[in-house]
Amino acid sequence: MPKLKSHRGAAKRFKITKGGKVKMNHAKRRHILTKKSTKMKRGLRKPGYASSANEATVKKLLPYS
């Protein structure tokens, strides 16, 4: 059986941690930053983790990670 291909869009957006969680960056940090509070922008800097509902889907898209 041939090797499975990773979903390239997902590979650029998600990383799987050693513990098996799906790490990702937050949205809403590209533009129109003037109206967003400093507290919100600071929180968006930190990595987010995908919800357990979406975790299985992302892991299916990244078979070898």
PDB file of N, CA and C in Angstrom:
ATOM      1  N   MET A   1       0.843  -1.185   0.000  1.00  0.00           N
ATOM      2  CA  MET A   1       0.000   0.000   0.000  1.00  0.00           C
ATOM      3  C   MET A   1       0.888   1.248   0.000  1.00  0.00           C
ATOM      4  N   PRO A   2       0.540   2.252  -0.818  1.00  0.00           N
ATOM      5  CA  PRO A   2       1.390   3.446  -0.878  1.00  0.00           C
ATOM      6  C   PRO A   2       1.291   4.289   0.388  1.00  0.00           C
ATOM      7  N   LYS A   3       2.266   5.163   0.524  1.00  0.00           N
ATOM      8  CA  LYS A   3       2.258   6.079   1.668  1.00  0.00           C
ATOM      9  C   LYS A   3       1.073   7.031   1.560  1.00  0.00           C
ATOM     10  N   LEU A   4       0.539   7.442   2.709  1.00  0.00           N
ATOM     11  CA  LEU A   4      -0.551   8.416   2.737  1.00  0.00           C
ATOM     12  C   LEU A   4       0.035   9.823   2.636  1.00  0.00           C
ATOM     13  N   LYS A   5      -0.675  10.697   1.970  1.00  0.00           N
ATOM     14  CA  LYS A   5      -0.235  12.093   1.879  1.00  0.00           C
ATOM     15  C   LYS A   5      -0.846  12.901   3.005  1.00  0.00           C
ATOM     16  N   SER A   6      -0.056  13.814   3.550  1.00  0.00           N
ATOM     17  CA  SER A   6      -0.575  14.750   4.553  1.00  0.00           C
ATOM     18  C   SER A   6      -1.378  15.815   3.841  1.00  0.00           C
ATOM     19  N   HIS A   7      -2.388  16.326   4.488  1.00  0.00           N
ATOM     20  CA  HIS A   7      -3.147  17.463   3.959  1.00  0.00           C
ATOM     21  C   HIS A   7      -2.282  18.697   4.166  1.00  0.00           C
ATOM     22  N   ARG A   8      -1.814  19.292   3.078  1.00  0.00           N
ATOM     23  CA  ARG A   8      -0.813  20.351   3.183  1.00  0.00           C
ATOM     24  C   ARG A   8      -1.343  21.596   3.881  1.00  0.00           C
ATOM     25  N   GLY A   9      -2.611  21.900   3.698  1.00  0.00           N
ATOM     26  CA  GLY A   9      -3.204  23.046   4.384  1.00  0.00           C
ATOM     27  C   GLY A   9      -3.190  22.843   5.883  1.00  0.00           C
ATOM     28  N   ALA A  10      -3.527  21.632   6.318  1.00  0.00           N
ATOM     29  CA  ALA A  10      -3.539  21.311   7.747  1.00  0.00           C
ATOM     30  C   ALA A  10      -2.120  21.257   8.306  1.00  0.00           C
ATOM     31  N   ALA A  11      -1.176  20.765   7.516  1.00  0.00           N
ATOM     32  CA  ALA A  11       0.210  20.653   7.974  1.00  0.00           C
ATOM     33  C   ALA A  11       0.813  22.016   8.276  1.00  0.00           C
ATOM     34  N   LYS A  12       0.367  23.042   7.538  1.00  0.00           N
ATOM     35  CA  LYS A  12       0.878  24.391   7.761  1.00  0.00           C
ATOM     36  C   LYS A  12       0.233  25.058   8.968  1.00  0.00           C
ATOM     37  N   ARG A  13      -0.930  24.579   9.384  1.00  0.00           N
ATOM     38  CA  ARG A  13      -1.686  25.248  10.443  1.00  0.00           C
ATOM     39  C   ARG A  13      -1.621  24.566  11.800  1.00  0.00           C
ATOM     40  N   PHE A  14      -1.390  23.264  11.831  1.00  0.00           N
ATOM     41  CA  PHE A  14      -1.460  22.503  13.074  1.00  0.00           C
ATOM     42  C   PHE A  14      -0.178  21.731  13.335  1.00  0.00           C
ATOM     43  N   LYS A  15       0.139  21.579  14.624  1.00  0.00           N
ATOM     44  CA  LYS A  15       1.245  20.712  15.047  1.00  0.00           C
ATOM     45  C   LYS A  15       0.684  19.798  16.133  1.00  0.00           C
ATOM     46  N   ILE A  16       1.147  18.572  16.161  1.00  0.00           N
ATOM     47  CA  ILE A  16       0.714  17.628  17.188  1.00  0.00           C
ATOM     48  C   ILE A  16       1.770  17.630  18.286  1.00  0.00           C
ATOM     49  N   THR A  17       1.353  17.850  19.533  1.00  0.00           N
ATOM     50  CA  THR A  17       2.297  17.877  20.643  1.00  0.00           C
ATOM     51  C   THR A  17       2.652  16.450  21.056  1.00  0.00           C
ATOM     52  N   LYS A  18       3.643  16.328  21.909  1.00  0.00           N
ATOM     53  CA  LYS A  18       4.082  15.007  22.368  1.00  0.00           C
ATOM     54  C   LYS A  18       2.950  14.277  23.087  1.00  0.00           C
ATOM     55  N   GLY A  19       2.134  15.028  23.807  1.00  0.00           N
ATOM     56  CA  GLY A  19       1.009  14.435  24.528  1.00  0.00           C
ATOM     57  C   GLY A  19      -0.197  14.123  23.658  1.00  0.00           C
ATOM     58  N   GLY A  20      -0.128  14.520  22.380  1.00  0.00           N
ATOM     59  CA  GLY A  20      -1.211  14.197  21.457  1.00  0.00           C
ATOM     60  C   GLY A  20      -2.234  15.300  21.264  1.00  0.00           C
ATOM     61  N   LYS A  21      -1.989  16.472  21.859  1.00  0.00           N
ATOM     62  CA  LYS A  21      -2.912  17.595  21.636  1.00  0.00           C
ATOM     63  C   LYS A  21      -2.601  18.244  20.289  1.00  0.00           C
ATOM     64  N   VAL A  22      -3.576  18.966  19.749  1.00  0.00           N
ATOM     65  CA  VAL A  22      -3.386  19.653  18.473  1.00  0.00           C
ATOM     66  C   VAL A  22      -3.182  21.135  18.754  1.00  0.00           C
ATOM     67  N   LYS A  23      -1.971  21.632  18.458  1.00  0.00           N
ATOM     68  CA  LYS A  23      -1.609  23.016  18.729  1.00  0.00           C
ATOM     69  C   LYS A  23      -1.839  23.844  17.472  1.00  0.00           C
ATOM     70  N   MET A  24      -2.330  25.084  17.652  1.00  0.00           N
ATOM     71  CA  MET A  24      -2.616  25.949  16.511  1.00  0.00           C
ATOM     72  C   MET A  24      -2.495  27.406  16.927  1.00  0.00           C
ATOM     73  N   ASN A  25      -2.440  28.284  15.952  1.00  0.00           N
ATOM     74  CA  ASN A  25      -2.432  29.712  16.221  1.00  0.00           C
ATOM     75  C   ASN A  25      -3.858  30.237  16.246  1.00  0.00           C
ATOM     76  N   HIS A  26      -4.049  31.356  16.925  1.00  0.00           N
ATOM     77  CA  HIS A  26      -5.366  31.979  17.002  1.00  0.00           C
ATOM     78  C   HIS A  26      -5.665  32.766  15.737  1.00  0.00           C
ATOM     79  N   ALA A  27      -6.930  32.912  15.438  1.00  0.00           N
ATOM     80  CA  ALA A  27      -7.382  33.769  14.345  1.00  0.00           C
ATOM     81  C   ALA A  27      -7.563  35.183  14.878  1.00  0.00           C
ATOM     82  N   LYS A  28      -7.952  36.108  14.002  1.00  0.00           N
ATOM     83  CA  LYS A  28      -8.283  37.499  14.353  1.00  0.00           C
ATOM     84  C   LYS A  28      -7.076  38.333  14.777  1.00  0.00           C
ATOM     85  N   ARG A  29      -5.904  38.041  14.236  1.00  0.00           N
ATOM     86  CA  ARG A  29      -4.725  38.807  14.631  1.00  0.00           C
ATOM     87  C   ARG A  29      -4.014  39.408  13.418  1.00  0.00           C
ATOM     88  N   ARG A  30      -4.651  39.456  12.260  1.00  0.00           N
ATOM     89  CA  ARG A  30      -3.997  39.911  11.029  1.00  0.00           C
ATOM     90  C   ARG A  30      -4.194  41.394  10.758  1.00  0.00           C
ATOM     91  N   HIS A  31      -5.400  41.892  10.930  1.00  0.00           N
ATOM     92  CA  HIS A  31      -5.668  43.289  10.575  1.00  0.00           C
ATOM     93  C   HIS A  31      -6.804  43.817  11.449  1.00  0.00           C
ATOM     94  N   ILE A  32      -7.082  45.099  11.320  1.00  0.00           N
ATOM     95  CA  ILE A  32      -8.085  45.804  12.144  1.00  0.00           C
ATOM     96  C   ILE A  32      -7.761  45.585  13.628  1.00  0.00           C
ATOM     97  N   LEU A  33      -6.512  45.844  13.991  1.00  0.00           N
ATOM     98  CA  LEU A  33      -6.071  45.610  15.363  1.00  0.00           C
ATOM     99  C   LEU A  33      -6.315  46.808  16.272  1.00  0.00           C
ATOM    100  N   THR A  34      -6.643  47.969  15.678  1.00  0.00           N
ATOM    101  CA  THR A  34      -6.802  49.170  16.490  1.00  0.00           C
ATOM    102  C   THR A  34      -8.000  49.080  17.414  1.00  0.00           C
ATOM    103  N   LYS A  35      -9.070  48.432  16.973  1.00  0.00           N
ATOM    104  CA  LYS A  35     -10.273  48.359  17.804  1.00  0.00           C
ATOM    105  C   LYS A  35     -10.254  47.189  18.794  1.00  0.00           C
ATOM    106  N   LYS A  36      -9.253  46.342  18.708  1.00  0.00           N
ATOM    107  CA  LYS A  36      -9.155  45.213  19.633  1.00  0.00           C
ATOM    108  C   LYS A  36      -8.336  45.635  20.847  1.00  0.00           C
ATOM    109  N   SER A  37      -8.747  45.171  22.002  1.00  0.00           N
ATOM    110  CA  SER A  37      -8.068  45.575  23.233  1.00  0.00           C
ATOM    111  C   SER A  37      -6.683  44.938  23.309  1.00  0.00           C
ATOM    112  N   THR A  38      -5.822  45.572  24.076  1.00  0.00           N
ATOM    113  CA  THR A  38      -4.469  45.057  24.277  1.00  0.00           C
ATOM    114  C   THR A  38      -4.520  43.685  24.915  1.00  0.00           C
ATOM    115  N   LYS A  39      -5.455  43.513  25.836  1.00  0.00           N
ATOM    116  CA  LYS A  39      -5.599  42.234  26.524  1.00  0.00           C
ATOM    117  C   LYS A  39      -5.952  41.118  25.539  1.00  0.00           C
ATOM    118  N   MET A  40      -6.842  41.419  24.605  1.00  0.00           N
ATOM    119  CA  MET A  40      -7.243  40.428  23.617  1.00  0.00           C
ATOM    120  C   MET A  40      -6.077  40.079  22.698  1.00  0.00           C
ATOM    121  N   LYS A  41      -5.347  41.108  22.244  1.00  0.00           N
ATOM    122  CA  LYS A  41      -4.222  40.871  21.337  1.00  0.00           C
ATOM    123  C   LYS A  41      -3.123  40.072  22.023  1.00  0.00           C
ATOM    124  N   ARG A  42      -2.909  40.339  23.301  1.00  0.00           N
ATOM    125  CA  ARG A  42      -1.904  39.608  24.066  1.00  0.00           C
ATOM    126  C   ARG A  42      -2.300  38.137  24.188  1.00  0.00           C
ATOM    127  N   GLY A  43      -3.570  37.894  24.401  1.00  0.00           N
ATOM    128  CA  GLY A  43      -4.057  36.520  24.512  1.00  0.00           C
ATOM    129  C   GLY A  43      -3.954  35.753  23.208  1.00  0.00           C
ATOM    130  N   LEU A  44      -4.105  36.462  22.095  1.00  0.00           N
ATOM    131  CA  LEU A  44      -4.035  35.815  20.782  1.00  0.00           C
ATOM    132  C   LEU A  44      -2.615  35.426  20.394  1.00  0.00           C
ATOM    133  N   ARG A  45      -1.621  35.992  21.076  1.00  0.00           N
ATOM    134  CA  ARG A  45      -0.226  35.638  20.792  1.00  0.00           C
ATOM    135  C   ARG A  45       0.073  34.203  21.186  1.00  0.00           C
ATOM    136  N   LYS A  46      -0.516  33.772  22.282  1.00  0.00           N
ATOM    137  CA  LYS A  46      -0.237  32.440  22.807  1.00  0.00           C
ATOM    138  C   LYS A  46      -0.875  31.376  21.916  1.00  0.00           C
ATOM    139  N   PRO A  47      -0.267  30.193  21.823  1.00  0.00           N
ATOM    140  CA  PRO A  47      -0.871  29.160  20.982  1.00  0.00           C
ATOM    141  C   PRO A  47      -2.175  28.655  21.583  1.00  0.00           C
ATOM    142  N   GLY A  48      -3.067  28.256  20.700  1.00  0.00           N
ATOM    143  CA  GLY A  48      -4.321  27.668  21.139  1.00  0.00           C
ATOM    144  C   GLY A  48      -4.277  26.175  20.910  1.00  0.00           C
ATOM    145  N   TYR A  49      -5.242  25.481  21.449  1.00  0.00           N
ATOM    146  CA  TYR A  49      -5.343  24.037  21.259  1.00  0.00           C
ATOM    147  C   TYR A  49      -6.708  23.728  20.675  1.00  0.00           C
ATOM    148  N   ALA A  50      -6.742  22.835  19.702  1.00  0.00           N
ATOM    149  CA  ALA A  50      -8.002  22.470  19.057  1.00  0.00           C
ATOM    150  C   ALA A  50      -8.892  21.753  20.065  1.00  0.00           C
ATOM    151  N   SER A  51     -10.188  21.935  19.914  1.00  0.00           N
ATOM    152  CA  SER A  51     -11.128  21.280  20.820  1.00  0.00           C
ATOM    153  C   SER A  51     -11.116  19.781  20.572  1.00  0.00           C
ATOM    154  N   SER A  52     -11.564  19.036  21.561  1.00  0.00           N
ATOM    155  CA  SER A  52     -11.567  17.573  21.440  1.00  0.00           C
ATOM    156  C   SER A  52     -12.481  17.119  20.308  1.00  0.00           C
ATOM    157  N   ALA A  53     -13.507  17.930  19.982  1.00  0.00           N
ATOM    158  CA  ALA A  53     -14.422  17.594  18.889  1.00  0.00           C
ATOM    159  C   ALA A  53     -13.705  17.633  17.540  1.00  0.00           C
ATOM    160  N   ASN A  54     -12.729  18.526  17.388  1.00  0.00           N
ATOM    161  CA  ASN A  54     -12.018  18.679  16.110  1.00  0.00           C
ATOM    162  C   ASN A  54     -10.695  17.932  16.067  1.00  0.00           C
ATOM    163  N   GLU A  55     -10.215  17.470  17.208  1.00  0.00           N
ATOM    164  CA  GLU A  55      -8.903  16.832  17.291  1.00  0.00           C
ATOM    165  C   GLU A  55      -8.782  15.618  16.368  1.00  0.00           C
ATOM    166  N   ALA A  56      -9.785  14.767  16.381  1.00  0.00           N
ATOM    167  CA  ALA A  56      -9.735  13.535  15.580  1.00  0.00           C
ATOM    168  C   ALA A  56      -9.661  13.857  14.092  1.00  0.00           C
ATOM    169  N   THR A  57     -10.380  14.879  13.655  1.00  0.00           N
ATOM    170  CA  THR A  57     -10.377  15.267  12.239  1.00  0.00           C
ATOM    171  C   THR A  57      -8.999  15.738  11.810  1.00  0.00           C
ATOM    172  N   VAL A  58      -8.365  16.566  12.642  1.00  0.00           N
ATOM    173  CA  VAL A  58      -7.040  17.095  12.301  1.00  0.00           C
ATOM    174  C   VAL A  58      -6.024  15.963  12.265  1.00  0.00           C
ATOM    175  N   LYS A  59      -6.109  15.051  13.200  1.00  0.00           N
ATOM    176  CA  LYS A  59      -5.157  13.935  13.244  1.00  0.00           C
ATOM    177  C   LYS A  59      -5.297  13.023  12.018  1.00  0.00           C
ATOM    178  N   LYS A  60      -6.509  12.926  11.486  1.00  0.00           N
ATOM    179  CA  LYS A  60      -6.739  12.140  10.277  1.00  0.00           C
ATOM    180  C   LYS A  60      -6.062  12.807   9.080  1.00  0.00           C
ATOM    181  N   LEU A  61      -6.035  14.138   9.070  1.00  0.00           N
ATOM    182  CA  LEU A  61      -5.424  14.869   7.970  1.00  0.00           C
ATOM    183  C   LEU A  61      -3.899  14.818   8.026  1.00  0.00           C
ATOM    184  N   LEU A  62      -3.339  14.538   9.211  1.00  0.00           N
ATOM    185  CA  LEU A  62      -1.884  14.466   9.389  1.00  0.00           C
ATOM    186  C   LEU A  62      -1.508  13.061   9.851  1.00  0.00           C
ATOM    187  N   PRO A  63      -1.476  12.107   8.944  1.00  0.00           N
ATOM    188  CA  PRO A  63      -1.323  10.705   9.346  1.00  0.00           C
ATOM    189  C   PRO A  63       0.001  10.347  10.014  1.00  0.00           C
ATOM    190  N   TYR A  64       1.103  11.030   9.685  1.00  0.00           N
ATOM    191  CA  TYR A  64       2.405  10.616  10.223  1.00  0.00           C
ATOM    192  C   TYR A  64       2.953  11.530  11.301  1.00  0.00           C
ATOM    193  N   SER A  65       2.139  12.440  11.834  1.00  0.00           N
ATOM    194  CA  SER A  65       2.678  13.336  12.862  1.00  0.00           C
ATOM    195  C   SER A  65       2.267  12.868  14.248  1.00  0.00           C
TER     196      SER A  65
END
